[in-house]
């Protein structure tokens, strides 16, 4: 996957050069509308081979809140501006830095917090051979995940028993069927907001 790594670093570098005005604009909005906290949210996630790294996103929540690592649409801890940033995926733009420095890829499994990665056993642990991604086939299928969870009586239970195992299955299929053009297709579908129709990603 050397070509994948070269593509990731080259495109993330060019992307950061082009979108820095958007990054600056988002940072100013957060500073003005969500004072009293950092602009960038930092969190420890699990990367390739189980190595921990710091993931960067724009902050979308109140500074002082209690809640799980599962986000649900409409939660009071998510600010109005934060909801807008999440809706248009602008909160994830700082992850381009993670791609540039090699912690993440454009396409791959979304990086889990350590508690969820610890649940991977047996064949499922093979997905740790991949760098986590900004997007991926599982991300496309569950692009409205927060809205889906908001409709559940017990969002955490539904995530743990339904969504998380399904994401693992999809990511294993991605690993087994990976090729460079599949990554390009996933990126294009992400921009278009479409779901992959291949049977092993359903």
Foldseek 3Di string as FASTA:
>chain_A
DVVQLVVLQVVLVVVCVPCVVVVVVQLVCCCVVQPDDHQKDWDWFAWAPRDIDIAIWGDQFHPDDDDDPDAAPPDPRGDPSSNVCLVVVVRRSVRSVVSNVPQAGQEAAATHHVVLLVPQDDPLVVSSNHGHHPYYQLCLVCVVVNHVLNPDPHSVVCCVPPSSVLSSQLRSVCVVPPDPVVSVVRVVCVVVSHHDPPPSSD
